[in-house]
């Protein structure tokens, strides 16, 4: 299968996931970073997103209702 065929078959989300997979596989394979470094940064990002989401929920809960 060619790249163009794969790109046409993939959904937008699938194409994004395939891009991330390919980029990380290349970068780890070439020694730009290790799998452990990737996993650490992945966990860090998810943790930050969870904190951000909780902060947004709290700020929306404390907003006065418009009646």
PDB file of N, CA and C in Angstrom:
ATOM      1  N   UNK A   1       0.856  -1.169   0.000  1.00  0.00           N
ATOM      2  CA  UNK A   1       0.000   0.000   0.000  1.00  0.00           C
ATOM      3  C   UNK A   1       0.906   1.237   0.000  1.00  0.00           C
ATOM      4  N   UNK A   2       0.547   2.187  -0.788  1.00  0.00           N
ATOM      5  CA  UNK A   2       1.333   3.425  -0.843  1.00  0.00           C
ATOM      6  C   UNK A   2       0.909   4.364   0.282  1.00  0.00           C
ATOM      7  N   UNK A   3       1.726   5.378   0.526  1.00  0.00           N
ATOM      8  CA  UNK A   3       1.400   6.384   1.528  1.00  0.00           C
ATOM      9  C   UNK A   3       0.089   7.079   1.169  1.00  0.00           C
ATOM     10  N   UNK A   4      -0.074   7.439  -0.098  1.00  0.00           N
ATOM     11  CA  UNK A   4      -1.289   8.128  -0.534  1.00  0.00           C
ATOM     12  C   UNK A   4      -2.520   7.265  -0.313  1.00  0.00           C
ATOM     13  N   UNK A   5      -2.408   5.957  -0.602  1.00  0.00           N
ATOM     14  CA  UNK A   5      -3.547   5.061  -0.379  1.00  0.00           C
ATOM     15  C   UNK A   5      -3.881   4.974   1.109  1.00  0.00           C
ATOM     16  N   UNK A   6      -2.859   4.849   1.927  1.00  0.00           N
ATOM     17  CA  UNK A   6      -3.078   4.775   3.375  1.00  0.00           C
ATOM     18  C   UNK A   6      -3.705   6.063   3.888  1.00  0.00           C
ATOM     19  N   UNK A   7      -3.225   7.193   3.396  1.00  0.00           N
ATOM     20  CA  UNK A   7      -3.759   8.479   3.811  1.00  0.00           C
ATOM     21  C   UNK A   7      -5.230   8.610   3.426  1.00  0.00           C
ATOM     22  N   UNK A   8      -5.595   8.137   2.257  1.00  0.00           N
ATOM     23  CA  UNK A   8      -6.992   8.187   1.810  1.00  0.00           C
ATOM     24  C   UNK A   8      -7.895   7.255   2.615  1.00  0.00           C
ATOM     25  N   UNK A   9      -7.345   6.137   3.084  1.00  0.00           N
ATOM     26  CA  UNK A   9      -8.136   5.174   3.853  1.00  0.00           C
ATOM     27  C   UNK A   9      -8.333   5.601   5.298  1.00  0.00           C
ATOM     28  N   UNK A  10      -7.386   6.343   5.830  1.00  0.00           N
ATOM     29  CA  UNK A  10      -7.425   6.704   7.246  1.00  0.00           C
ATOM     30  C   UNK A  10      -8.400   7.852   7.490  1.00  0.00           C
ATOM     31  N   UNK A  11      -9.055   7.779   8.634  1.00  0.00           N
ATOM     32  CA  UNK A  11      -9.867   8.917   9.072  1.00  0.00           C
ATOM     33  C   UNK A  11      -8.912  10.023   9.501  1.00  0.00           C
ATOM     34  N   UNK A  12      -9.445  11.183   9.774  1.00  0.00           N
ATOM     35  CA  UNK A  12      -8.591  12.287  10.234  1.00  0.00           C
ATOM     36  C   UNK A  12      -7.891  11.895  11.532  1.00  0.00           C
ATOM     37  N   UNK A  13      -8.646  11.308  12.462  1.00  0.00           N
ATOM     38  CA  UNK A  13      -8.094  10.865  13.735  1.00  0.00           C
ATOM     39  C   UNK A  13      -7.068   9.750  13.516  1.00  0.00           C
ATOM     40  N   UNK A  14      -7.385   8.827  12.627  1.00  0.00           N
ATOM     41  CA  UNK A  14      -6.464   7.732  12.323  1.00  0.00           C
ATOM     42  C   UNK A  14      -5.164   8.230  11.710  1.00  0.00           C
ATOM     43  N   UNK A  15      -5.263   9.207  10.820  1.00  0.00           N
ATOM     44  CA  UNK A  15      -4.069   9.782  10.199  1.00  0.00           C
ATOM     45  C   UNK A  15      -3.204  10.489  11.236  1.00  0.00           C
ATOM     46  N   UNK A  16      -3.836  11.182  12.173  1.00  0.00           N
ATOM     47  CA  UNK A  16      -3.092  11.840  13.245  1.00  0.00           C
ATOM     48  C   UNK A  16      -2.365  10.803  14.103  1.00  0.00           C
ATOM     49  N   UNK A  17      -3.078   9.744  14.491  1.00  0.00           N
ATOM     50  CA  UNK A  17      -2.471   8.689  15.305  1.00  0.00           C
ATOM     51  C   UNK A  17      -1.325   8.008  14.563  1.00  0.00           C
ATOM     52  N   UNK A  18      -1.500   7.767  13.279  1.00  0.00           N
ATOM     53  CA  UNK A  18      -0.443   7.147  12.479  1.00  0.00           C
ATOM     54  C   UNK A  18       0.780   8.054  12.392  1.00  0.00           C
ATOM     55  N   UNK A  19       0.559   9.351  12.289  1.00  0.00           N
ATOM     56  CA  UNK A  19       1.665  10.312  12.248  1.00  0.00           C
ATOM     57  C   UNK A  19       2.438  10.288  13.550  1.00  0.00           C
ATOM     58  N   UNK A  20       1.744  10.312  14.664  1.00  0.00           N
ATOM     59  CA  UNK A  20       2.403  10.277  15.972  1.00  0.00           C
ATOM     60  C   UNK A  20       3.170   8.965  16.134  1.00  0.00           C
ATOM     61  N   UNK A  21       2.559   7.856  15.752  1.00  0.00           N
ATOM     62  CA  UNK A  21       3.219   6.558  15.835  1.00  0.00           C
ATOM     63  C   UNK A  21       4.509   6.546  15.013  1.00  0.00           C
ATOM     64  N   UNK A  22       4.421   7.012  13.776  1.00  0.00           N
ATOM     65  CA  UNK A  22       5.588   7.008  12.899  1.00  0.00           C
ATOM     66  C   UNK A  22       6.686   7.922  13.432  1.00  0.00           C
ATOM     67  N   UNK A  23       6.315   9.100  13.876  1.00  0.00           N
ATOM     68  CA  UNK A  23       7.311  10.045  14.385  1.00  0.00           C
ATOM     69  C   UNK A  23       8.002   9.502  15.630  1.00  0.00           C
ATOM     70  N   UNK A  24       7.235   8.979  16.565  1.00  0.00           N
ATOM     71  CA  UNK A  24       7.834   8.447  17.787  1.00  0.00           C
ATOM     72  C   UNK A  24       8.689   7.226  17.507  1.00  0.00           C
ATOM     73  N   UNK A  25       8.250   6.359  16.611  1.00  0.00           N
ATOM     74  CA  UNK A  25       9.034   5.182  16.261  1.00  0.00           C
ATOM     75  C   UNK A  25      10.372   5.590  15.662  1.00  0.00           C
ATOM     76  N   UNK A  26      10.347   6.568  14.762  1.00  0.00           N
ATOM     77  CA  UNK A  26      11.599   7.055  14.168  1.00  0.00           C
ATOM     78  C   UNK A  26      12.511   7.708  15.202  1.00  0.00           C
ATOM     79  N   UNK A  27      11.953   8.576  16.024  1.00  0.00           N
ATOM     80  CA  UNK A  27      12.760   9.290  17.001  1.00  0.00           C
ATOM     81  C   UNK A  27      13.372   8.364  18.043  1.00  0.00           C
ATOM     82  N   UNK A  28      12.615   7.384  18.507  1.00  0.00           N
ATOM     83  CA  UNK A  28      13.148   6.410  19.457  1.00  0.00           C
ATOM     84  C   UNK A  28      14.185   5.530  18.763  1.00  0.00           C
ATOM     85  N   UNK A  29      13.869   5.078  17.549  1.00  0.00           N
ATOM     86  CA  UNK A  29      14.793   4.227  16.798  1.00  0.00           C
ATOM     87  C   UNK A  29      16.116   4.903  16.482  1.00  0.00           C
ATOM     88  N   UNK A  30      16.095   6.205  16.252  1.00  0.00           N
ATOM     89  CA  UNK A  30      17.314   6.948  15.945  1.00  0.00           C
ATOM     90  C   UNK A  30      18.028   7.435  17.201  1.00  0.00           C
ATOM     91  N   UNK A  31      17.462   7.149  18.359  1.00  0.00           N
ATOM     92  CA  UNK A  31      18.101   7.506  19.619  1.00  0.00           C
ATOM     93  C   UNK A  31      17.950   8.963  20.012  1.00  0.00           C
ATOM     94  N   UNK A  32      17.005   9.664  19.408  1.00  0.00           N
ATOM     95  CA  UNK A  32      16.771  11.060  19.777  1.00  0.00           C
ATOM     96  C   UNK A  32      16.273  11.126  21.219  1.00  0.00           C
ATOM     97  N   UNK A  33      15.408  10.191  21.590  1.00  0.00           N
ATOM     98  CA  UNK A  33      15.006  10.030  22.975  1.00  0.00           C
ATOM     99  C   UNK A  33      14.670   8.572  23.206  1.00  0.00           C
ATOM    100  N   UNK A  34      14.608   8.198  24.489  1.00  0.00           N
ATOM    101  CA  UNK A  34      14.318   6.808  24.837  1.00  0.00           C
ATOM    102  C   UNK A  34      12.828   6.617  25.063  1.00  0.00           C
ATOM    103  N   UNK A  35      12.429   5.379  25.082  1.00  0.00           N
ATOM    104  CA  UNK A  35      11.037   5.050  25.379  1.00  0.00           C
ATOM    105  C   UNK A  35      10.675   5.558  26.776  1.00  0.00           C
ATOM    106  N   UNK A  36      11.593   5.439  27.718  1.00  0.00           N
ATOM    107  CA  UNK A  36      11.350   5.900  29.080  1.00  0.00           C
ATOM    108  C   UNK A  36      11.134   7.415  29.109  1.00  0.00           C
ATOM    109  N   UNK A  37      11.943   8.167  28.353  1.00  0.00           N
ATOM    110  CA  UNK A  37      11.756   9.616  28.283  1.00  0.00           C
ATOM    111  C   UNK A  37      10.401   9.960  27.679  1.00  0.00           C
ATOM    112  N   UNK A  38      10.018   9.240  26.619  1.00  0.00           N
ATOM    113  CA  UNK A  38       8.704   9.462  26.008  1.00  0.00           C
ATOM    114  C   UNK A  38       7.592   9.206  27.020  1.00  0.00           C
ATOM    115  N   UNK A  39       7.682   8.077  27.728  1.00  0.00           N
ATOM    116  CA  UNK A  39       6.638   7.722  28.684  1.00  0.00           C
ATOM    117  C   UNK A  39       6.550   8.736  29.818  1.00  0.00           C
ATOM    118  N   UNK A  40       7.690   9.236  30.283  1.00  0.00           N
ATOM    119  CA  UNK A  40       7.698  10.251  31.338  1.00  0.00           C
ATOM    120  C   UNK A  40       6.995  11.512  30.870  1.00  0.00           C
ATOM    121  N   UNK A  41       7.305  11.965  29.657  1.00  0.00           N
ATOM    122  CA  UNK A  41       6.672  13.178  29.133  1.00  0.00           C
ATOM    123  C   UNK A  41       5.186  12.962  28.855  1.00  0.00           C
ATOM    124  N   UNK A  42       4.823  11.775  28.421  1.00  0.00           N
ATOM    125  CA  UNK A  42       3.418  11.439  28.185  1.00  0.00           C
ATOM    126  C   UNK A  42       2.636  11.550  29.491  1.00  0.00           C
ATOM    127  N   UNK A  43       3.151  10.929  30.556  1.00  0.00           N
ATOM    128  CA  UNK A  43       2.489  10.972  31.863  1.00  0.00           C
ATOM    129  C   UNK A  43       2.410  12.414  32.354  1.00  0.00           C
ATOM    130  N   UNK A  44       3.476  13.183  32.174  1.00  0.00           N
ATOM    131  CA  UNK A  44       3.489  14.585  32.584  1.00  0.00           C
ATOM    132  C   UNK A  44       2.383  15.377  31.882  1.00  0.00           C
ATOM    133  N   UNK A  45       2.219  15.170  30.574  1.00  0.00           N
ATOM    134  CA  UNK A  45       1.203  15.890  29.813  1.00  0.00           C
ATOM    135  C   UNK A  45      -0.200  15.527  30.293  1.00  0.00           C
ATOM    136  N   UNK A  46      -0.450  14.223  30.495  1.00  0.00           N
ATOM    137  CA  UNK A  46      -1.777  13.790  30.954  1.00  0.00           C
ATOM    138  C   UNK A  46      -2.062  14.380  32.332  1.00  0.00           C
ATOM    139  N   UNK A  47      -1.066  14.381  33.212  1.00  0.00           N
ATOM    140  CA  UNK A  47      -1.246  14.946  34.553  1.00  0.00           C
ATOM    141  C   UNK A  47      -1.600  16.435  34.472  1.00  0.00           C
ATOM    142  N   UNK A  48      -0.891  17.184  33.631  1.00  0.00           N
ATOM    143  CA  UNK A  48      -1.185  18.612  33.462  1.00  0.00           C
ATOM    144  C   UNK A  48      -2.589  18.822  32.912  1.00  0.00           C
ATOM    145  N   UNK A  49      -3.002  18.013  31.949  1.00  0.00           N
ATOM    146  CA  UNK A  49      -4.346  18.132  31.374  1.00  0.00           C
ATOM    147  C   UNK A  49      -5.418  17.854  32.413  1.00  0.00           C
ATOM    148  N   UNK A  50      -5.185  16.864  33.279  1.00  0.00           N
ATOM    149  CA  UNK A  50      -6.162  16.561  34.336  1.00  0.00           C
ATOM    150  C   UNK A  50      -6.288  17.729  35.302  1.00  0.00           C
ATOM    151  N   UNK A  51      -5.158  18.324  35.696  1.00  0.00           N
ATOM    152  CA  UNK A  51      -5.202  19.487  36.587  1.00  0.00           C
ATOM    153  C   UNK A  51      -5.936  20.642  35.924  1.00  0.00           C
ATOM    154  N   UNK A  52      -5.640  20.878  34.649  1.00  0.00           N
ATOM    155  CA  UNK A  52      -6.283  21.961  33.905  1.00  0.00           C
ATOM    156  C   UNK A  52      -7.795  21.730  33.827  1.00  0.00           C
ATOM    157  N   UNK A  53      -8.185  20.499  33.569  1.00  0.00           N
ATOM    158  CA  UNK A  53      -9.608  20.157  33.466  1.00  0.00           C
ATOM    159  C   UNK A  53     -10.312  20.373  34.809  1.00  0.00           C
ATOM    160  N   UNK A  54      -9.674  19.966  35.897  1.00  0.00           N
ATOM    161  CA  UNK A  54     -10.268  20.160  37.227  1.00  0.00           C
ATOM    162  C   UNK A  54     -10.388  21.647  37.556  1.00  0.00           C
ATOM    163  N   UNK A  55      -9.389  22.436  37.178  1.00  0.00           N
ATOM    164  CA  UNK A  55      -9.447  23.879  37.429  1.00  0.00           C
ATOM    165  C   UNK A  55     -10.589  24.517  36.650  1.00  0.00           C
ATOM    166  N   UNK A  56     -10.780  24.089  35.407  1.00  0.00           N
ATOM    167  CA  UNK A  56     -11.890  24.622  34.601  1.00  0.00           C
ATOM    168  C   UNK A  56     -13.235  24.252  35.204  1.00  0.00           C
ATOM    169  N   UNK A  57     -13.354  23.017  35.688  1.00  0.00           N
ATOM    170  CA  UNK A  57     -14.614  22.588  36.303  1.00  0.00           C
ATOM    171  C   UNK A  57     -14.907  23.414  37.543  1.00  0.00           C
ATOM    172  N   UNK A  58     -13.886  23.676  38.361  1.00  0.00           N
ATOM    173  CA  UNK A  58     -14.079  24.468  39.573  1.00  0.00           C
ATOM    174  C   UNK A  58     -14.464  25.897  39.244  1.00  0.00           C
ATOM    175  N   UNK A  59     -13.828  26.475  38.227  1.00  0.00           N
ATOM    176  CA  UNK A  59     -14.147  27.869  37.895  1.00  0.00           C
ATOM    177  C   UNK A  59     -15.554  27.975  37.328  1.00  0.00           C
ATOM    178  N   UNK A  60     -16.034  26.964  36.618  1.00  0.00           N
ATOM    179  CA  UNK A  60     -17.399  26.992  36.092  1.00  0.00           C
ATOM    180  C   UNK A  60     -18.413  26.790  37.216  1.00  0.00           C
ATOM    181  N   UNK A  61     -18.046  25.968  38.215  1.00  0.00           N
ATOM    182  CA  UNK A  61     -18.946  25.744  39.352  1.00  0.00           C
ATOM    183  C   UNK A  61     -19.097  26.986  40.210  1.00  0.00           C
ATOM    184  N   UNK A  62     -18.064  27.825  40.252  1.00  0.00           N
ATOM    185  CA  UNK A  62     -18.114  29.008  41.108  1.00  0.00           C
ATOM    186  C   UNK A  62     -18.694  30.228  40.398  1.00  0.00           C
ATOM    187  N   UNK A  63     -18.998  30.112  39.102  1.00  0.00           N
ATOM    188  CA  UNK A  63     -19.568  31.234  38.363  1.00  0.00           C
ATOM    189  C   UNK A  63     -21.027  31.398  38.756  1.00  0.00           C
ATOM    190  N   UNK A  64     -21.452  32.632  38.962  1.00  0.00           N
ATOM    191  CA  UNK A  64     -22.868  32.865  39.297  1.00  0.00           C
ATOM    192  C   UNK A  64     -23.771  32.483  38.120  1.00  0.00           C
ATOM    193  N   UNK A  65     -24.919  31.963  38.451  1.00  0.00           N
ATOM    194  CA  UNK A  65     -25.888  31.597  37.420  1.00  0.00           C
ATOM    195  C   UNK A  65     -26.574  32.850  36.894  1.00  0.00           C
ATOM    196  N   UNK A  66     -26.780  32.887  35.608  1.00  0.00           N
ATOM    197  CA  UNK A  66     -27.530  34.014  35.037  1.00  0.00           C
ATOM    198  C   UNK A  66     -28.983  33.615  34.931  1.00  0.00           C
ATOM    199  N   UNK A  67     -29.820  34.328  35.643  1.00  0.00           N
ATOM    200  CA  UNK A  67     -31.241  33.971  35.669  1.00  0.00           C
ATOM    201  C   UNK A  67     -32.054  34.943  34.876  1.00  0.00           C
TER     202      UNK A  67
END
